[in-house]
Amino acid sequence: QMRDWVQNLLNNSEITVQFVKSDGTVRDMRCTLDHSRIPPAPPKPVPTEIQASSTANIDGLAESKKPRKEPDPVTQRVYDLDQNAWRSFRYDRLQKITAEISFAK
């Protein structure tokens, strides 16, 4: 239930989470999942003919990529607005969540 609440906040605004990192230090991270606040990813390079053929199997078909892992229910992936990079935190290490909610008229 808390995970759903935090994800709803992240999807609609920026929040600051305080959590204990794996090395034992406490970190505050200003983060979001709001697409309007996340810069677009840089375009992926177009593979050259040599690169494309090196991933082909014996039939000449491109090999499939690894299947995507299921999301970990303990970990939340977020966009860190101060580092401009994707980071994550663990729900079981959260200490504080700060969100500013304003009501537009």
C-alpha atoms as a PDB file:
ATOM      1  CA  GLN A   1       0.000   0.000   0.000  1.00  0.00           C
ATOM      2  CA  MET A   2       2.834   2.412   0.816  1.00  0.00           C
ATOM      3  CA  ARG A   3       4.571   1.534  -2.455  1.00  0.00           C
ATOM      4  CA  ASP A   4       1.436   2.500  -4.416  1.00  0.00           C
ATOM      5  CA  TRP A   5       1.192   5.793  -2.534  1.00  0.00           C
ATOM      6  CA  VAL A   6       4.869   6.655  -3.164  1.00  0.00           C
ATOM      7  CA  GLN A   7       4.606   5.691  -6.848  1.00  0.00           C
ATOM      8  CA  ASN A   8       1.549   7.931  -7.231  1.00  0.00           C
ATOM      9  CA  LEU A   9       3.492  10.849  -5.733  1.00  0.00           C
ATOM     10  CA  LEU A  10       6.476  10.110  -7.978  1.00  0.00           C
ATOM     11  CA  ASN A  11       4.336   9.889 -11.119  1.00  0.00           C
ATOM     12  CA  ASN A  12       2.778  13.304 -10.479  1.00  0.00           C
ATOM     13  CA  SER A  13       5.454  15.399  -8.775  1.00  0.00           C
ATOM     14  CA  GLU A  14       8.932  15.469  -7.349  1.00  0.00           C
ATOM     15  CA  ILE A  15       9.581  14.232  -3.850  1.00  0.00           C
ATOM     16  CA  THR A  16      12.580  13.997  -1.566  1.00  0.00           C
ATOM     17  CA  VAL A  17      13.287  10.626  -0.031  1.00  0.00           C
ATOM     18  CA  GLN A  18      15.687  10.045   2.820  1.00  0.00           C
ATOM     19  CA  PHE A  19      17.048   6.531   3.036  1.00  0.00           C
ATOM     20  CA  VAL A  20      19.974   4.506   4.326  1.00  0.00           C
ATOM     21  CA  LYS A  21      22.362   3.461   1.567  1.00  0.00           C
ATOM     22  CA  SER A  22      23.895  -0.014   1.501  1.00  0.00           C
ATOM     23  CA  ASP A  23      27.136   1.409   2.968  1.00  0.00           C
ATOM     24  CA  GLY A  24      25.177   2.690   6.004  1.00  0.00           C
ATOM     25  CA  THR A  25      25.209   6.395   5.126  1.00  0.00           C
ATOM     26  CA  VAL A  26      21.995   8.418   5.004  1.00  0.00           C
ATOM     27  CA  ARG A  27      21.114  10.093   1.721  1.00  0.00           C
ATOM     28  CA  ASP A  28      18.479  12.625   0.674  1.00  0.00           C
ATOM     29  CA  MET A  29      17.457  12.301  -2.975  1.00  0.00           C
ATOM     30  CA  ARG A  30      15.156  14.634  -4.900  1.00  0.00           C
ATOM     31  CA  CYS A  31      13.484  12.357  -7.428  1.00  0.00           C
ATOM     32  CA  THR A  32      10.505  11.803  -9.732  1.00  0.00           C
ATOM     33  CA  LEU A  33       8.861   9.548 -12.290  1.00  0.00           C
ATOM     34  CA  ASP A  34       6.952  12.464 -13.861  1.00  0.00           C
ATOM     35  CA  HIS A  35       7.829  12.272 -17.580  1.00  0.00           C
ATOM     36  CA  SER A  36       7.545  16.052 -17.971  1.00  0.00           C
ATOM     37  CA  ARG A  37      10.455  16.479 -15.515  1.00  0.00           C
ATOM     38  CA  ILE A  38      12.732  13.781 -16.999  1.00  0.00           C
ATOM     39  CA  PRO A  39      14.868  14.737 -20.013  1.00  0.00           C
ATOM     40  CA  PRO A  40      14.551  12.496 -23.069  1.00  0.00           C
ATOM     41  CA  ALA A  41      17.076   9.706 -23.396  1.00  0.00           C
ATOM     42  CA  PRO A  42      19.816  10.305 -25.963  1.00  0.00           C
ATOM     43  CA  PRO A  43      19.236   8.467 -29.241  1.00  0.00           C
ATOM     44  CA  LYS A  44      20.784   5.026 -29.492  1.00  0.00           C
ATOM     45  CA  PRO A  45      23.531   4.681 -32.107  1.00  0.00           C
ATOM     46  CA  VAL A  46      22.544   2.928 -35.316  1.00  0.00           C
ATOM     47  CA  PRO A  47      24.459  -0.362 -35.595  1.00  0.00           C
ATOM     48  CA  THR A  48      26.800  -0.731 -38.520  1.00  0.00           C
ATOM     49  CA  GLU A  49      26.561  -3.694 -40.871  1.00  0.00           C
ATOM     50  CA  ILE A  50      29.426  -5.437 -39.088  1.00  0.00           C
ATOM     51  CA  GLN A  51      27.844  -4.919 -35.665  1.00  0.00           C
ATOM     52  CA  ALA A  52      24.462  -6.109 -36.915  1.00  0.00           C
ATOM     53  CA  SER A  53      25.903  -9.262 -38.443  1.00  0.00           C
ATOM     54  CA  SER A  54      27.901 -10.075 -35.326  1.00  0.00           C
ATOM     55  CA  THR A  55      24.656 -10.516 -33.370  1.00  0.00           C
ATOM     56  CA  ALA A  56      23.103 -12.808 -35.969  1.00  0.00           C
ATOM     57  CA  ASN A  57      22.788 -16.497 -35.273  1.00  0.00           C
ATOM     58  CA  ILE A  58      23.545 -19.267 -37.742  1.00  0.00           C
ATOM     59  CA  ASP A  59      20.276 -18.683 -39.637  1.00  0.00           C
ATOM     60  CA  GLY A  60      21.139 -15.011 -40.126  1.00  0.00           C
ATOM     61  CA  LEU A  61      18.427 -13.887 -37.705  1.00  0.00           C
ATOM     62  CA  ALA A  62      19.208 -11.420 -34.976  1.00  0.00           C
ATOM     63  CA  GLU A  63      19.437 -13.001 -31.562  1.00  0.00           C
ATOM     64  CA  SER A  64      16.770 -11.933 -29.125  1.00  0.00           C
ATOM     65  CA  LYS A  65      17.655  -9.658 -26.245  1.00  0.00           C
ATOM     66  CA  LYS A  66      17.508 -10.893 -22.683  1.00  0.00           C
ATOM     67  CA  PRO A  67      13.971 -10.883 -21.292  1.00  0.00           C
ATOM     68  CA  ARG A  68      13.221  -7.979 -19.000  1.00  0.00           C
ATOM     69  CA  LYS A  69      13.382  -8.788 -15.314  1.00  0.00           C
ATOM     70  CA  GLU A  70      10.272  -8.424 -13.205  1.00  0.00           C
ATOM     71  CA  PRO A  71      10.336  -5.283 -11.046  1.00  0.00           C
ATOM     72  CA  ASP A  72      11.672  -5.876  -7.555  1.00  0.00           C
ATOM     73  CA  PRO A  73       8.875  -5.060  -5.058  1.00  0.00           C
ATOM     74  CA  VAL A  74      11.448  -3.875  -2.482  1.00  0.00           C
ATOM     75  CA  THR A  75      13.347  -1.488  -4.790  1.00  0.00           C
ATOM     76  CA  GLN A  76      12.042   1.674  -6.471  1.00  0.00           C
ATOM     77  CA  ARG A  77      13.791   2.994  -9.593  1.00  0.00           C
ATOM     78  CA  VAL A  78      13.544   6.797  -9.890  1.00  0.00           C
ATOM     79  CA  TYR A  79      15.074   9.696 -11.783  1.00  0.00           C
ATOM     80  CA  ASP A  80      17.426  11.663  -9.495  1.00  0.00           C
ATOM     81  CA  LEU A  81      16.832  15.334 -10.352  1.00  0.00           C
ATOM     82  CA  ASP A  82      20.109  16.508  -8.797  1.00  0.00           C
ATOM     83  CA  GLN A  83      22.344  13.876 -10.425  1.00  0.00           C
ATOM     84  CA  ASN A  84      20.344  13.824 -13.712  1.00  0.00           C
ATOM     85  CA  ALA A  85      20.514  10.038 -13.714  1.00  0.00           C
ATOM     86  CA  TRP A  86      18.446   6.982 -12.871  1.00  0.00           C
ATOM     87  CA  ARG A  87      18.919   5.719  -9.316  1.00  0.00           C
ATOM     88  CA  SER A  88      17.014   3.505  -6.901  1.00  0.00           C
ATOM     89  CA  PHE A  89      16.210   3.136  -3.232  1.00  0.00           C
ATOM     90  CA  ARG A  90      14.857   0.317  -1.107  1.00  0.00           C
ATOM     91  CA  TYR A  91      11.513   0.710   0.643  1.00  0.00           C
ATOM     92  CA  ASP A  92      12.785  -1.130   3.702  1.00  0.00           C
ATOM     93  CA  ARG A  93      15.512   1.535   4.117  1.00  0.00           C
ATOM     94  CA  LEU A  94      13.283   4.609   3.776  1.00  0.00           C
ATOM     95  CA  GLN A  95      13.409   7.019   6.699  1.00  0.00           C
ATOM     96  CA  LYS A  96      11.449  10.041   5.448  1.00  0.00           C
ATOM     97  CA  ILE A  97       9.465  11.218   2.428  1.00  0.00           C
ATOM     98  CA  THR A  98       8.943  14.917   1.767  1.00  0.00           C
ATOM     99  CA  ALA A  99       6.445  16.083  -0.852  1.00  0.00           C
ATOM    100  CA  GLU A 100       4.970  19.456  -1.629  1.00  0.00           C
ATOM    101  CA  ILE A 101       1.394  19.318  -2.804  1.00  0.00           C
ATOM    102  CA  SER A 102      -0.278  22.391  -4.264  1.00  0.00           C
ATOM    103  CA  PHE A 103      -3.836  22.741  -5.443  1.00  0.00           C
ATOM    104  CA  ALA A 104      -4.204  24.787  -8.626  1.00  0.00           C
ATOM    105  CA  LYS A 105      -7.306  26.948  -8.938  1.00  0.00           C
END
